[in-house]
mmCIF file of all heavy atoms, coordinates in Angstrom:
data_MODEL
# 
_entry.id   MODEL 
# 
loop_
_atom_site.group_PDB 
_atom_site.id 
_atom_site.type_symbol 
_atom_site.label_atom_id 
_atom_site.label_alt_id 
_atom_site.label_comp_id 
_atom_site.label_asym_id 
_atom_site.label_entity_id 
_atom_site.label_seq_id 
_atom_site.pdbx_PDB_ins_code 
_atom_site.Cartn_x 
_atom_site.Cartn_y 
_atom_site.Cartn_z 
_atom_site.occupancy 
_atom_site.B_iso_or_equiv 
_atom_site.pdbx_formal_charge 
_atom_site.auth_seq_id 
_atom_site.auth_comp_id 
_atom_site.auth_asym_id 
_atom_site.auth_atom_id 
_atom_site.pdbx_PDB_model_num 
ATOM 1   N N   . GLN A 1 1  ? -9.644  -18.994 -213.264 1.00 0.00 ? 1  GLN A N   1 
ATOM 2   C CA  . GLN A 1 1  ? -9.120  -18.852 -211.907 1.00 0.00 ? 1  GLN A CA  1 
ATOM 3   C C   . GLN A 1 1  ? -7.644  -18.802 -212.095 1.00 0.00 ? 1  GLN A C   1 
ATOM 4   O O   . GLN A 1 1  ? -7.027  -19.650 -212.682 1.00 0.00 ? 1  GLN A O   1 
ATOM 5   C CB  . GLN A 1 1  ? -9.444  -19.982 -211.020 1.00 0.00 ? 1  GLN A CB  1 
ATOM 6   C CG  . GLN A 1 1  ? -8.896  -19.900 -209.602 1.00 0.00 ? 1  GLN A CG  1 
ATOM 7   C CD  . GLN A 1 1  ? -9.396  -20.952 -208.723 1.00 0.00 ? 1  GLN A CD  1 
ATOM 8   O OE1 . GLN A 1 1  ? -10.529 -21.117 -208.417 1.00 0.00 ? 1  GLN A OE1 1 
ATOM 9   N NE2 . GLN A 1 1  ? -8.485  -21.797 -208.208 1.00 0.00 ? 1  GLN A NE2 1 
ATOM 10  N N   . VAL A 1 2  ? -6.923  -17.726 -211.626 1.00 0.00 ? 2  VAL A N   1 
ATOM 11  C CA  . VAL A 1 2  ? -5.554  -17.507 -211.880 1.00 0.00 ? 2  VAL A CA  1 
ATOM 12  C C   . VAL A 1 2  ? -4.701  -17.621 -210.681 1.00 0.00 ? 2  VAL A C   1 
ATOM 13  O O   . VAL A 1 2  ? -3.441  -17.783 -210.800 1.00 0.00 ? 2  VAL A O   1 
ATOM 14  C CB  . VAL A 1 2  ? -5.289  -16.204 -212.552 1.00 0.00 ? 2  VAL A CB  1 
ATOM 15  C CG1 . VAL A 1 2  ? -5.900  -16.184 -213.923 1.00 0.00 ? 2  VAL A CG1 1 
ATOM 16  C CG2 . VAL A 1 2  ? -5.832  -15.038 -211.722 1.00 0.00 ? 2  VAL A CG2 1 
ATOM 17  N N   . VAL A 1 3  ? -5.257  -17.543 -209.517 1.00 0.00 ? 3  VAL A N   1 
ATOM 18  C CA  . VAL A 1 3  ? -4.485  -17.591 -208.252 1.00 0.00 ? 3  VAL A CA  1 
ATOM 19  C C   . VAL A 1 3  ? -5.262  -18.405 -207.198 1.00 0.00 ? 3  VAL A C   1 
ATOM 20  O O   . VAL A 1 3  ? -6.487  -18.241 -207.085 1.00 0.00 ? 3  VAL A O   1 
ATOM 21  C CB  . VAL A 1 3  ? -4.188  -16.202 -207.684 1.00 0.00 ? 3  VAL A CB  1 
ATOM 22  C CG1 . VAL A 1 3  ? -3.613  -16.293 -206.200 1.00 0.00 ? 3  VAL A CG1 1 
ATOM 23  C CG2 . VAL A 1 3  ? -3.227  -15.471 -208.551 1.00 0.00 ? 3  VAL A CG2 1 
ATOM 24  N N   . ALA A 1 4  ? -4.560  -19.286 -206.471 1.00 0.00 ? 4  ALA A N   1 
ATOM 25  C CA  . ALA A 1 4  ? -5.208  -20.019 -205.338 1.00 0.00 ? 4  ALA A CA  1 
ATOM 26  C C   . ALA A 1 4  ? -4.147  -20.115 -204.261 1.00 0.00 ? 4  ALA A C   1 
ATOM 27  O O   . ALA A 1 4  ? -3.211  -20.896 -204.348 1.00 0.00 ? 4  ALA A O   1 
ATOM 28  C CB  . ALA A 1 4  ? -5.686  -21.352 -205.777 1.00 0.00 ? 4  ALA A CB  1 
ATOM 29  N N   . THR A 1 5  ? -4.248  -19.307 -203.206 1.00 0.00 ? 5  THR A N   1 
ATOM 30  C CA  . THR A 1 5  ? -3.357  -19.295 -202.124 1.00 0.00 ? 5  THR A CA  1 
ATOM 31  C C   . THR A 1 5  ? -4.145  -19.375 -200.760 1.00 0.00 ? 5  THR A C   1 
ATOM 32  O O   . THR A 1 5  ? -5.327  -19.462 -200.807 1.00 0.00 ? 5  THR A O   1 
ATOM 33  C CB  . THR A 1 5  ? -2.491  -18.035 -202.085 1.00 0.00 ? 5  THR A CB  1 
ATOM 34  O OG1 . THR A 1 5  ? -3.341  -16.896 -201.801 1.00 0.00 ? 5  THR A OG1 1 
ATOM 35  C CG2 . THR A 1 5  ? -1.778  -17.826 -203.434 1.00 0.00 ? 5  THR A CG2 1 
ATOM 36  N N   . ALA A 1 6  ? -3.401  -19.316 -199.658 1.00 0.00 ? 6  ALA A N   1 
ATOM 37  C CA  . ALA A 1 6  ? -4.050  -19.364 -198.356 1.00 0.00 ? 6  ALA A CA  1 
ATOM 38  C C   . ALA A 1 6  ? -4.906  -18.091 -198.220 1.00 0.00 ? 6  ALA A C   1 
ATOM 39  O O   . ALA A 1 6  ? -5.867  -18.064 -197.384 1.00 0.00 ? 6  ALA A O   1 
ATOM 40  C CB  . ALA A 1 6  ? -3.009  -19.452 -197.259 1.00 0.00 ? 6  ALA A CB  1 
ATOM 41  N N   . GLY A 1 7  ? -4.581  -17.034 -198.896 1.00 0.00 ? 7  GLY A N   1 
ATOM 42  C CA  . GLY A 1 7  ? -5.357  -15.765 -198.889 1.00 0.00 ? 7  GLY A CA  1 
ATOM 43  C C   . GLY A 1 7  ? -6.590  -15.744 -199.703 1.00 0.00 ? 7  GLY A C   1 
ATOM 44  O O   . GLY A 1 7  ? -7.313  -14.795 -199.698 1.00 0.00 ? 7  GLY A O   1 
ATOM 45  N N   . GLY A 1 8  ? -6.813  -16.829 -200.427 1.00 0.00 ? 8  GLY A N   1 
ATOM 46  C CA  . GLY A 1 8  ? -8.004  -16.895 -201.265 1.00 0.00 ? 8  GLY A CA  1 
ATOM 47  C C   . GLY A 1 8  ? -7.744  -17.164 -202.715 1.00 0.00 ? 8  GLY A C   1 
ATOM 48  O O   . GLY A 1 8  ? -6.567  -17.267 -203.192 1.00 0.00 ? 8  GLY A O   1 
ATOM 49  N N   . LYS A 1 9  ? -8.767  -17.307 -203.511 1.00 0.00 ? 9  LYS A N   1 
ATOM 50  C CA  . LYS A 1 9  ? -8.684  -17.540 -204.960 1.00 0.00 ? 9  LYS A CA  1 
ATOM 51  C C   . LYS A 1 9  ? -8.994  -16.281 -205.687 1.00 0.00 ? 9  LYS A C   1 
ATOM 52  O O   . LYS A 1 9  ? -9.902  -15.472 -205.292 1.00 0.00 ? 9  LYS A O   1 
ATOM 53  C CB  . LYS A 1 9  ? -9.667  -18.638 -205.360 1.00 0.00 ? 9  LYS A CB  1 
ATOM 54  C CG  . LYS A 1 9  ? -9.326  -20.008 -204.725 1.00 0.00 ? 9  LYS A CG  1 
ATOM 55  C CD  . LYS A 1 9  ? -10.321 -21.061 -205.108 1.00 0.00 ? 9  LYS A CD  1 
ATOM 56  C CE  . LYS A 1 9  ? -11.630 -20.900 -204.376 1.00 0.00 ? 9  LYS A CE  1 
ATOM 57  N NZ  . LYS A 1 9  ? -12.539 -22.034 -204.572 1.00 0.00 ? 9  LYS A NZ  1 
ATOM 58  N N   . ILE A 1 10 ? -8.375  -16.038 -206.842 1.00 0.00 ? 10 ILE A N   1 
ATOM 59  C CA  . ILE A 1 10 ? -8.652  -14.921 -207.669 1.00 0.00 ? 10 ILE A CA  1 
ATOM 60  C C   . ILE A 1 10 ? -9.117  -15.475 -208.983 1.00 0.00 ? 10 ILE A C   1 
ATOM 61  O O   . ILE A 1 10 ? -8.446  -16.267 -209.692 1.00 0.00 ? 10 ILE A O   1 
ATOM 62  C CB  . ILE A 1 10 ? -7.435  -14.006 -207.912 1.00 0.00 ? 10 ILE A CB  1 
ATOM 63  C CG1 . ILE A 1 10 ? -6.926  -13.459 -206.577 1.00 0.00 ? 10 ILE A CG1 1 
ATOM 64  C CG2 . ILE A 1 10 ? -7.792  -12.858 -208.893 1.00 0.00 ? 10 ILE A CG2 1 
ATOM 65  C CD1 . ILE A 1 10 ? -5.669  -12.666 -206.711 1.00 0.00 ? 10 ILE A CD1 1 
ATOM 66  N N   . ARG A 1 11 ? -10.326 -15.056 -209.433 1.00 0.00 ? 11 ARG A N   1 
ATOM 67  C CA  . ARG A 1 11 ? -10.937 -15.400 -210.723 1.00 0.00 ? 11 ARG A CA  1 
ATOM 68  C C   . ARG A 1 11 ? -11.095 -14.175 -211.569 1.00 0.00 ? 11 ARG A C   1 
ATOM 69  O O   . ARG A 1 11 ? -11.548 -13.146 -211.064 1.00 0.00 ? 11 ARG A O   1 
ATOM 70  C CB  . ARG A 1 11 ? -12.287 -16.135 -210.468 1.00 0.00 ? 11 ARG A CB  1 
ATOM 71  C CG  . ARG A 1 11 ? -12.801 -16.877 -211.674 1.00 0.00 ? 11 ARG A CG  1 
ATOM 72  C CD  . ARG A 1 11 ? -14.119 -17.610 -211.313 1.00 0.00 ? 11 ARG A CD  1 
ATOM 73  N NE  . ARG A 1 11 ? -13.781 -18.606 -210.328 1.00 0.00 ? 11 ARG A NE  1 
ATOM 74  C CZ  . ARG A 1 11 ? -14.702 -19.214 -209.515 1.00 0.00 ? 11 ARG A CZ  1 
ATOM 75  N NH1 . ARG A 1 11 ? -15.935 -18.774 -209.481 1.00 0.00 ? 11 ARG A NH1 1 
ATOM 76  N NH2 . ARG A 1 11 ? -14.365 -20.098 -208.663 1.00 0.00 ? 11 ARG A NH2 1 
ATOM 77  N N   . LEU A 1 12 ? -10.675 -14.252 -212.844 1.00 0.00 ? 12 LEU A N   1 
ATOM 78  C CA  . LEU A 1 12 ? -10.740 -13.119 -213.701 1.00 0.00 ? 12 LEU A CA  1 
ATOM 79  C C   . LEU A 1 12 ? -11.623 -13.357 -214.912 1.00 0.00 ? 12 LEU A C   1 
ATOM 80  O O   . LEU A 1 12 ? -11.717 -14.490 -215.412 1.00 0.00 ? 12 LEU A O   1 
ATOM 81  C CB  . LEU A 1 12 ? -9.377  -12.721 -214.106 1.00 0.00 ? 12 LEU A CB  1 
ATOM 82  C CG  . LEU A 1 12 ? -8.261  -12.410 -213.091 1.00 0.00 ? 12 LEU A CG  1 
ATOM 83  C CD1 . LEU A 1 12 ? -6.975  -12.220 -213.776 1.00 0.00 ? 12 LEU A CD1 1 
ATOM 84  C CD2 . LEU A 1 12 ? -8.623  -11.315 -212.198 1.00 0.00 ? 12 LEU A CD2 1 
ATOM 85  N N   . ASN A 1 13 ? -12.137 -12.264 -215.462 1.00 0.00 ? 13 ASN A N   1 
ATOM 86  C CA  . ASN A 1 13 ? -12.708 -12.347 -216.796 1.00 0.00 ? 13 ASN A CA  1 
ATOM 87  C C   . ASN A 1 13 ? -11.984 -11.333 -217.639 1.00 0.00 ? 13 ASN A C   1 
ATOM 88  O O   . ASN A 1 13 ? -12.100 -10.113 -217.475 1.00 0.00 ? 13 ASN A O   1 
ATOM 89  C CB  . ASN A 1 13 ? -14.238 -11.988 -216.784 1.00 0.00 ? 13 ASN A CB  1 
ATOM 90  C CG  . ASN A 1 13 ? -14.895 -11.980 -218.215 1.00 0.00 ? 13 ASN A CG  1 
ATOM 91  O OD1 . ASN A 1 13 ? -14.317 -12.522 -219.159 1.00 0.00 ? 13 ASN A OD1 1 
ATOM 92  N ND2 . ASN A 1 13 ? -15.999 -11.392 -218.307 1.00 0.00 ? 13 ASN A ND2 1 
ATOM 93  N N   . VAL A 1 14 ? -11.155 -11.797 -218.640 1.00 0.00 ? 14 VAL A N   1 
ATOM 94  C CA  . VAL A 1 14 ? -10.452 -10.930 -219.486 1.00 0.00 ? 14 VAL A CA  1 
ATOM 95  C C   . VAL A 1 14 ? -10.838 -11.243 -220.911 1.00 0.00 ? 14 VAL A C   1 
ATOM 96  O O   . VAL A 1 14 ? -10.771 -12.372 -221.344 1.00 0.00 ? 14 VAL A O   1 
ATOM 97  C CB  . VAL A 1 14 ? -8.874  -11.123 -219.338 1.00 0.00 ? 14 VAL A CB  1 
ATOM 98  C CG1 . VAL A 1 14 ? -8.139  -10.230 -220.246 1.00 0.00 ? 14 VAL A CG1 1 
ATOM 99  C CG2 . VAL A 1 14 ? -8.442  -10.959 -217.869 1.00 0.00 ? 14 VAL A CG2 1 
ATOM 100 N N   . GLN A 1 15 ? -11.300 -10.214 -221.630 1.00 0.00 ? 15 GLN A N   1 
ATOM 101 C CA  . GLN A 1 15 ? -11.719 -10.366 -223.026 1.00 0.00 ? 15 GLN A CA  1 
ATOM 102 C C   . GLN A 1 15 ? -10.971 -9.368  -223.896 1.00 0.00 ? 15 GLN A C   1 
ATOM 103 O O   . GLN A 1 15 ? -10.975 -8.198  -223.596 1.00 0.00 ? 15 GLN A O   1 
ATOM 104 C CB  . GLN A 1 15 ? -13.210 -10.158 -223.087 1.00 0.00 ? 15 GLN A CB  1 
ATOM 105 C CG  . GLN A 1 15 ? -14.119 -11.066 -222.256 1.00 0.00 ? 15 GLN A CG  1 
ATOM 106 C CD  . GLN A 1 15 ? -14.064 -12.467 -222.699 1.00 0.00 ? 15 GLN A CD  1 
ATOM 107 O OE1 . GLN A 1 15 ? -13.771 -12.816 -223.823 1.00 0.00 ? 15 GLN A OE1 1 
ATOM 108 N NE2 . GLN A 1 15 ? -14.296 -13.390 -221.783 1.00 0.00 ? 15 GLN A NE2 1 
ATOM 109 N N   . ALA A 1 16 ? -10.274 -9.956  -224.879 1.00 0.00 ? 16 ALA A N   1 
ATOM 110 C CA  . ALA A 1 16 ? -9.515  -9.102  -225.825 1.00 0.00 ? 16 ALA A CA  1 
ATOM 111 C C   . ALA A 1 16 ? -8.503  -8.191  -225.122 1.00 0.00 ? 16 ALA A C   1 
ATOM 112 O O   . ALA A 1 16 ? -8.407  -7.042  -225.470 1.00 0.00 ? 16 ALA A O   1 
ATOM 113 C CB  . ALA A 1 16 ? -10.472 -8.293  -226.775 1.00 0.00 ? 16 ALA A CB  1 
ATOM 114 N N   . GLY A 1 17 ? -7.900  -8.700  -224.062 1.00 0.00 ? 17 GLY A N   1 
ATOM 115 C CA  . GLY A 1 17 ? -6.922  -7.849  -223.314 1.00 0.00 ? 17 GLY A CA  1 
ATOM 116 C C   . GLY A 1 17 ? -7.560  -6.930  -222.329 1.00 0.00 ? 17 GLY A C   1 
ATOM 117 O O   . GLY A 1 17 ? -6.794  -6.248  -221.555 1.00 0.00 ? 17 GLY A O   1 
ATOM 118 N N   . GLN A 1 18 ? -8.854  -6.822  -222.215 1.00 0.00 ? 18 GLN A N   1 
ATOM 119 C CA  . GLN A 1 18 ? -9.489  -5.931  -221.290 1.00 0.00 ? 18 GLN A CA  1 
ATOM 120 C C   . GLN A 1 18 ? -9.984  -6.728  -220.005 1.00 0.00 ? 18 GLN A C   1 
ATOM 121 O O   . GLN A 1 18 ? -10.583 -7.762  -220.185 1.00 0.00 ? 18 GLN A O   1 
ATOM 122 C CB  . GLN A 1 18 ? -10.733 -5.284  -221.956 1.00 0.00 ? 18 GLN A CB  1 
ATOM 123 C CG  . GLN A 1 18 ? -10.283 -4.272  -223.057 1.00 0.00 ? 18 GLN A CG  1 
ATOM 124 C CD  . GLN A 1 18 ? -9.476  -3.137  -222.516 1.00 0.00 ? 18 GLN A CD  1 
ATOM 125 O OE1 . GLN A 1 18 ? -9.920  -2.405  -221.645 1.00 0.00 ? 18 GLN A OE1 1 
ATOM 126 N NE2 . GLN A 1 18 ? -8.236  -2.966  -223.040 1.00 0.00 ? 18 GLN A NE2 1 
ATOM 127 N N   . LEU A 1 19 ? -9.684  -6.220  -218.848 1.00 0.00 ? 19 LEU A N   1 
ATOM 128 C CA  . LEU A 1 19 ? -10.111 -6.857  -217.600 1.00 0.00 ? 19 LEU A CA  1 
ATOM 129 C C   . LEU A 1 19 ? -11.570 -6.410  -217.380 1.00 0.00 ? 19 LEU A C   1 
ATOM 130 O O   . LEU A 1 19 ? -11.886 -5.229  -217.151 1.00 0.00 ? 19 LEU A O   1 
ATOM 131 C CB  . LEU A 1 19 ? -9.265  -6.343  -216.424 1.00 0.00 ? 19 LEU A CB  1 
ATOM 132 C CG  . LEU A 1 19 ? -9.674  -6.910  -215.091 1.00 0.00 ? 19 LEU A CG  1 
ATOM 133 C CD1 . LEU A 1 19 ? -9.640  -8.447  -215.064 1.00 0.00 ? 19 LEU A CD1 1 
ATOM 134 C CD2 . LEU A 1 19 ? -8.769  -6.354  -213.977 1.00 0.00 ? 19 LEU A CD2 1 
ATOM 135 N N   . MET A 1 20 ? -12.488 -7.428  -217.486 1.00 0.00 ? 20 MET A N   1 
ATOM 136 C CA  . MET A 1 20 ? -13.904 -7.147  -217.310 1.00 0.00 ? 20 MET A CA  1 
ATOM 137 C C   . MET A 1 20 ? -14.386 -7.251  -215.856 1.00 0.00 ? 20 MET A C   1 
ATOM 138 O O   . MET A 1 20 ? -15.387 -6.723  -215.471 1.00 0.00 ? 20 MET A O   1 
ATOM 139 C CB  . MET A 1 20 ? -14.747 -8.110  -218.186 1.00 0.00 ? 20 MET A CB  1 
ATOM 140 C CG  . MET A 1 20 ? -14.431 -8.034  -219.662 1.00 0.00 ? 20 MET A CG  1 
ATOM 141 S SD  . MET A 1 20 ? -14.450 -6.345  -220.333 1.00 0.00 ? 20 MET A SD  1 
ATOM 142 C CE  . MET A 1 20 ? -16.176 -5.908  -220.011 1.00 0.00 ? 20 MET A CE  1 
ATOM 143 N N   . GLY A 1 21 ? -13.612 -7.970  -215.010 1.00 0.00 ? 21 GLY A N   1 
ATOM 144 C CA  . GLY A 1 21 ? -14.034 -8.160  -213.590 1.00 0.00 ? 21 GLY A CA  1 
ATOM 145 C C   . GLY A 1 21 ? -13.149 -9.094  -212.849 1.00 0.00 ? 21 GLY A C   1 
ATOM 146 O O   . GLY A 1 21 ? -12.429 -9.848  -213.472 1.00 0.00 ? 21 GLY A O   1 
ATOM 147 N N   . ILE A 1 22 ? -13.178 -8.979  -211.558 1.00 0.00 ? 22 ILE A N   1 
ATOM 148 C CA  . ILE A 1 22 ? -12.396 -9.756  -210.685 1.00 0.00 ? 22 ILE A CA  1 
ATOM 149 C C   . ILE A 1 22 ? -13.283 -10.371 -209.607 1.00 0.00 ? 22 ILE A C   1 
ATOM 150 O O   . ILE A 1 22 ? -14.158 -9.684  -209.063 1.00 0.00 ? 22 ILE A O   1 
ATOM 151 C CB  . ILE A 1 22 ? -11.276 -8.935  -209.956 1.00 0.00 ? 22 ILE A CB  1 
ATOM 152 C CG1 . ILE A 1 22 ? -10.378 -8.250  -210.939 1.00 0.00 ? 22 ILE A CG1 1 
ATOM 153 C CG2 . ILE A 1 22 ? -10.451 -9.831  -208.959 1.00 0.00 ? 22 ILE A CG2 1 
ATOM 154 C CD1 . ILE A 1 22 ? -9.426  -7.217  -210.302 1.00 0.00 ? 22 ILE A CD1 1 
ATOM 155 N N   . ALA A 1 23 ? -13.065 -11.633 -209.321 1.00 0.00 ? 23 ALA A N   1 
ATOM 156 C CA  . ALA A 1 23 ? -13.742 -12.275 -208.130 1.00 0.00 ? 23 ALA A CA  1 
ATOM 157 C C   . ALA A 1 23 ? -12.690 -12.671 -207.175 1.00 0.00 ? 23 ALA A C   1 
ATOM 158 O O   . ALA A 1 23 ? -11.782 -13.478 -207.525 1.00 0.00 ? 23 ALA A O   1 
ATOM 159 C CB  . ALA A 1 23 ? -14.597 -13.447 -208.599 1.00 0.00 ? 23 ALA A CB  1 
ATOM 160 N N   . ASP A 1 24 ? -12.781 -12.138 -205.968 1.00 0.00 ? 24 ASP A N   1 
ATOM 161 C CA  . ASP A 1 24 ? -11.773 -12.491 -204.913 1.00 0.00 ? 24 ASP A CA  1 
ATOM 162 C C   . ASP A 1 24 ? -12.556 -13.361 -203.960 1.00 0.00 ? 24 ASP A C   1 
ATOM 163 O O   . ASP A 1 24 ? -13.517 -12.905 -203.291 1.00 0.00 ? 24 ASP A O   1 
ATOM 164 C CB  . ASP A 1 24 ? -11.317 -11.213 -204.245 1.00 0.00 ? 24 ASP A CB  1 
ATOM 165 C CG  . ASP A 1 24 ? -10.092 -11.408 -203.420 1.00 0.00 ? 24 ASP A CG  1 
ATOM 166 O OD1 . ASP A 1 24 ? -9.475  -12.547 -203.453 1.00 0.00 ? 24 ASP A OD1 1 
ATOM 167 O OD2 . ASP A 1 24 ? -9.671  -10.517 -202.661 1.00 0.00 ? 24 ASP A OD2 1 
ATOM 168 N N   . ILE A 1 25 ? -12.171 -14.587 -203.842 1.00 0.00 ? 25 ILE A N   1 
ATOM 169 C CA  . ILE A 1 25 ? -12.975 -15.574 -203.124 1.00 0.00 ? 25 ILE A CA  1 
ATOM 170 C C   . ILE A 1 25 ? -12.114 -16.156 -201.951 1.00 0.00 ? 25 ILE A C   1 
ATOM 171 O O   . ILE A 1 25 ? -11.014 -16.633 -202.169 1.00 0.00 ? 25 ILE A O   1 
ATOM 172 C CB  . ILE A 1 25 ? -13.386 -16.782 -204.029 1.00 0.00 ? 25 ILE A CB  1 
ATOM 173 C CG1 . ILE A 1 25 ? -14.113 -16.203 -205.252 1.00 0.00 ? 25 ILE A CG1 1 
ATOM 174 C CG2 . ILE A 1 25 ? -14.365 -17.706 -203.272 1.00 0.00 ? 25 ILE A CG2 1 
ATOM 175 C CD1 . ILE A 1 25 ? -14.165 -17.154 -206.360 1.00 0.00 ? 25 ILE A CD1 1 
ATOM 176 N N   . VAL A 1 26 ? -12.629 -16.124 -200.753 1.00 0.00 ? 26 VAL A N   1 
ATOM 177 C CA  . VAL A 1 26 ? -11.933 -16.591 -199.609 1.00 0.00 ? 26 VAL A CA  1 
ATOM 178 C C   . VAL A 1 26 ? -12.874 -17.525 -198.771 1.00 0.00 ? 26 VAL A C   1 
ATOM 179 O O   . VAL A 1 26 ? -13.975 -17.266 -198.538 1.00 0.00 ? 26 VAL A O   1 
ATOM 180 C CB  . VAL A 1 26 ? -11.364 -15.425 -198.743 1.00 0.00 ? 26 VAL A CB  1 
ATOM 181 C CG1 . VAL A 1 26 ? -12.567 -14.589 -198.186 1.00 0.00 ? 26 VAL A CG1 1 
ATOM 182 C CG2 . VAL A 1 26 ? -10.442 -15.927 -197.625 1.00 0.00 ? 26 VAL A CG2 1 
ATOM 183 N N   . PRO A 1 27 ? -12.259 -18.690 -198.226 1.00 0.00 ? 27 PRO A N   1 
ATOM 184 C CA  . PRO A 1 27 ? -13.025 -19.529 -197.310 1.00 0.00 ? 27 PRO A CA  1 
ATOM 185 C C   . PRO A 1 27 ? -13.398 -18.724 -196.078 1.00 0.00 ? 27 PRO A C   1 
ATOM 186 O O   . PRO A 1 27 ? -12.606 -18.004 -195.550 1.00 0.00 ? 27 PRO A O   1 
ATOM 187 C CB  . PRO A 1 27 ? -12.093 -20.698 -197.026 1.00 0.00 ? 27 PRO A CB  1 
ATOM 188 C CG  . PRO A 1 27 ? -11.114 -20.679 -198.142 1.00 0.00 ? 27 PRO A CG  1 
ATOM 189 C CD  . PRO A 1 27 ? -10.967 -19.248 -198.503 1.00 0.00 ? 27 PRO A CD  1 
ATOM 190 N N   . MET A 1 28 ? -14.609 -18.945 -195.607 1.00 0.00 ? 28 MET A N   1 
ATOM 191 C CA  . MET A 1 28 ? -15.014 -18.294 -194.353 1.00 0.00 ? 28 MET A CA  1 
ATOM 192 C C   . MET A 1 28 ? -14.114 -18.672 -193.180 1.00 0.00 ? 28 MET A C   1 
ATOM 193 O O   . MET A 1 28 ? -13.869 -17.866 -192.273 1.00 0.00 ? 28 MET A O   1 
ATOM 194 C CB  . MET A 1 28 ? -16.476 -18.626 -194.003 1.00 0.00 ? 28 MET A CB  1 
ATOM 195 C CG  . MET A 1 28 ? -17.458 -18.180 -195.040 1.00 0.00 ? 28 MET A CG  1 
ATOM 196 S SD  . MET A 1 28 ? -17.540 -16.385 -195.289 1.00 0.00 ? 28 MET A SD  1 
ATOM 197 C CE  . MET A 1 28 ? -18.477 -15.957 -193.793 1.00 0.00 ? 28 MET A CE  1 
ATOM 198 N N   . SER A 1 29 ? -13.647 -19.918 -193.175 1.00 0.00 ? 29 SER A N   1 
ATOM 199 C CA  . SER A 1 29 ? -12.720 -20.409 -192.144 1.00 0.00 ? 29 SER A CA  1 
ATOM 200 C C   . SER A 1 29 ? -11.441 -19.555 -192.151 1.00 0.00 ? 29 SER A C   1 
ATOM 201 O O   . SER A 1 29 ? -10.836 -19.381 -191.109 1.00 0.00 ? 29 SER A O   1 
ATOM 202 C CB  . SER A 1 29 ? -12.394 -21.873 -192.382 1.00 0.00 ? 29 SER A CB  1 
ATOM 203 O OG  . SER A 1 29 ? -11.790 -22.021 -193.672 1.00 0.00 ? 29 SER A OG  1 
ATOM 204 N N   . ALA A 1 30 ? -10.918 -19.088 -193.277 1.00 0.00 ? 30 ALA A N   1 
ATOM 205 C CA  . ALA A 1 30 ? -9.705  -18.318 -193.416 1.00 0.00 ? 30 ALA A CA  1 
ATOM 206 C C   . ALA A 1 30 ? -9.845  -16.991 -192.590 1.00 0.00 ? 30 ALA A C   1 
ATOM 207 O O   . ALA A 1 30 ? -8.897  -16.429 -192.061 1.00 0.00 ? 30 ALA A O   1 
ATOM 208 C CB  . ALA A 1 30 ? -9.332  -18.091 -194.803 1.00 0.00 ? 30 ALA A CB  1 
# 
């Protein structure tokens, strides 16, 4: 997890410098 703000959390999977995927997670309340 690399970012956590009021706009939500960003979780990444990076392997050997390659971005394999992004998870953008936000509370339903937001």
